[in-house]
Amino acid sequence: MSILSYLHVVMTTRLAELRRDGERGDSPVPTAVIIFGLVFVAITVTGLALSKANDWMTNIPTHVNPK
């Protein structure tokens, strides 16, 4: 059997298996949208925490050496 015939049989068999398997999971698009949403929320929460921490740090009175 030549290599081309072998490759043809392998590819045909694999494509038939893929077509037969109806349950292949969800599309990658909703997964990407969910990941984008989670990243957006994480960036927002990190930004708010940084803002609150900076406000808190600026409200701490400065140390003055006693005379």
C-alpha atoms as a PDB file:
ATOM      1  CA  MET A   1       0.000   0.000   0.000  1.00  0.00           C
ATOM      2  CA  SER A   2       1.516   3.344  -0.968  1.00  0.00           C
ATOM      3  CA  ILE A   3       1.825   6.166   1.527  1.00  0.00           C
ATOM      4  CA  LEU A   4      -0.786   8.263  -0.303  1.00  0.00           C
ATOM      5  CA  SER A   5      -3.335   5.483  -0.150  1.00  0.00           C
ATOM      6  CA  TYR A   6      -2.592   4.982   3.532  1.00  0.00           C
ATOM      7  CA  LEU A   7      -2.976   8.701   4.281  1.00  0.00           C
ATOM      8  CA  HIS A   8      -6.231   8.806   2.325  1.00  0.00           C
ATOM      9  CA  VAL A   9      -7.661   5.913   4.334  1.00  0.00           C
ATOM     10  CA  VAL A  10      -6.519   7.429   7.638  1.00  0.00           C
ATOM     11  CA  MET A  11      -7.986  10.855   6.843  1.00  0.00           C
ATOM     12  CA  THR A  12     -11.257   9.404   5.553  1.00  0.00           C
ATOM     13  CA  THR A  13     -11.646   7.249   8.645  1.00  0.00           C
ATOM     14  CA  ARG A  14     -10.868  10.130  10.996  1.00  0.00           C
ATOM     15  CA  LEU A  15     -13.302  12.492   9.261  1.00  0.00           C
ATOM     16  CA  ALA A  16     -16.019   9.825   9.427  1.00  0.00           C
ATOM     17  CA  GLU A  17     -15.404   9.450  13.180  1.00  0.00           C
ATOM     18  CA  LEU A  18     -15.612  13.210  13.680  1.00  0.00           C
ATOM     19  CA  ARG A  19     -18.889  13.439  11.755  1.00  0.00           C
ATOM     20  CA  ARG A  20     -20.371  10.551  13.703  1.00  0.00           C
ATOM     21  CA  ASP A  21     -19.586  12.125  17.072  1.00  0.00           C
ATOM     22  CA  GLY A  22     -22.453  14.606  17.520  1.00  0.00           C
ATOM     23  CA  GLU A  23     -21.575  15.811  21.016  1.00  0.00           C
ATOM     24  CA  ARG A  24     -18.355  17.761  20.636  1.00  0.00           C
ATOM     25  CA  GLY A  25     -18.833  20.431  23.294  1.00  0.00           C
ATOM     26  CA  ASP A  26     -19.527  24.107  23.162  1.00  0.00           C
ATOM     27  CA  SER A  27     -18.267  26.584  20.611  1.00  0.00           C
ATOM     28  CA  PRO A  28     -15.102  28.457  21.635  1.00  0.00           C
ATOM     29  CA  VAL A  29     -16.841  31.827  21.190  1.00  0.00           C
ATOM     30  CA  PRO A  30     -18.930  31.712  24.410  1.00  0.00           C
ATOM     31  CA  THR A  31     -15.862  30.522  26.298  1.00  0.00           C
ATOM     32  CA  ALA A  32     -13.849  33.471  24.963  1.00  0.00           C
ATOM     33  CA  VAL A  33     -16.656  35.885  25.915  1.00  0.00           C
ATOM     34  CA  ILE A  34     -16.755  34.475  29.457  1.00  0.00           C
ATOM     35  CA  ILE A  35     -12.976  34.760  29.788  1.00  0.00           C
ATOM     36  CA  PHE A  36     -13.083  38.351  28.505  1.00  0.00           C
ATOM     37  CA  GLY A  37     -15.797  39.165  31.045  1.00  0.00           C
ATOM     38  CA  LEU A  38     -13.815  37.638  33.904  1.00  0.00           C
ATOM     39  CA  VAL A  39     -10.693  39.562  32.895  1.00  0.00           C
ATOM     40  CA  PHE A  40     -12.700  42.793  32.716  1.00  0.00           C
ATOM     41  CA  VAL A  41     -14.146  42.209  36.200  1.00  0.00           C
ATOM     42  CA  ALA A  42     -10.694  41.353  37.573  1.00  0.00           C
ATOM     43  CA  ILE A  43      -9.190  44.539  36.127  1.00  0.00           C
ATOM     44  CA  THR A  44     -12.064  46.612  37.515  1.00  0.00           C
ATOM     45  CA  VAL A  45     -11.761  45.110  41.007  1.00  0.00           C
ATOM     46  CA  THR A  46      -7.983  45.568  40.970  1.00  0.00           C
ATOM     47  CA  GLY A  47      -8.362  49.190  39.882  1.00  0.00           C
ATOM     48  CA  LEU A  48     -10.907  49.899  42.622  1.00  0.00           C
ATOM     49  CA  ALA A  49      -8.712  48.256  45.261  1.00  0.00           C
ATOM     50  CA  LEU A  50      -5.692  50.255  44.090  1.00  0.00           C
ATOM     51  CA  SER A  51      -7.711  53.474  44.174  1.00  0.00           C
ATOM     52  CA  LYS A  52      -8.996  52.777  47.692  1.00  0.00           C
ATOM     53  CA  ALA A  53      -5.498  51.863  48.899  1.00  0.00           C
ATOM     54  CA  ASN A  54      -4.007  55.051  47.441  1.00  0.00           C
ATOM     55  CA  ASP A  55      -6.752  57.164  49.031  1.00  0.00           C
ATOM     56  CA  TRP A  56      -6.168  55.450  52.370  1.00  0.00           C
ATOM     57  CA  MET A  57      -2.401  55.956  52.143  1.00  0.00           C
ATOM     58  CA  THR A  58      -2.721  59.674  51.300  1.00  0.00           C
ATOM     59  CA  ASN A  59      -5.026  60.227  54.292  1.00  0.00           C
ATOM     60  CA  ILE A  60      -2.442  58.925  56.786  1.00  0.00           C
ATOM     61  CA  PRO A  61      -0.928  61.891  58.588  1.00  0.00           C
ATOM     62  CA  THR A  62       2.765  62.459  58.063  1.00  0.00           C
ATOM     63  CA  HIS A  63       5.205  61.901  60.870  1.00  0.00           C
ATOM     64  CA  VAL A  64       6.653  65.018  62.461  1.00  0.00           C
ATOM     65  CA  ASN A  65       9.763  64.705  64.598  1.00  0.00           C
ATOM     66  CA  PRO A  66       9.226  66.123  68.087  1.00  0.00           C
ATOM     67  CA  LYS A  67      11.339  69.158  68.967  1.00  0.00           C
END
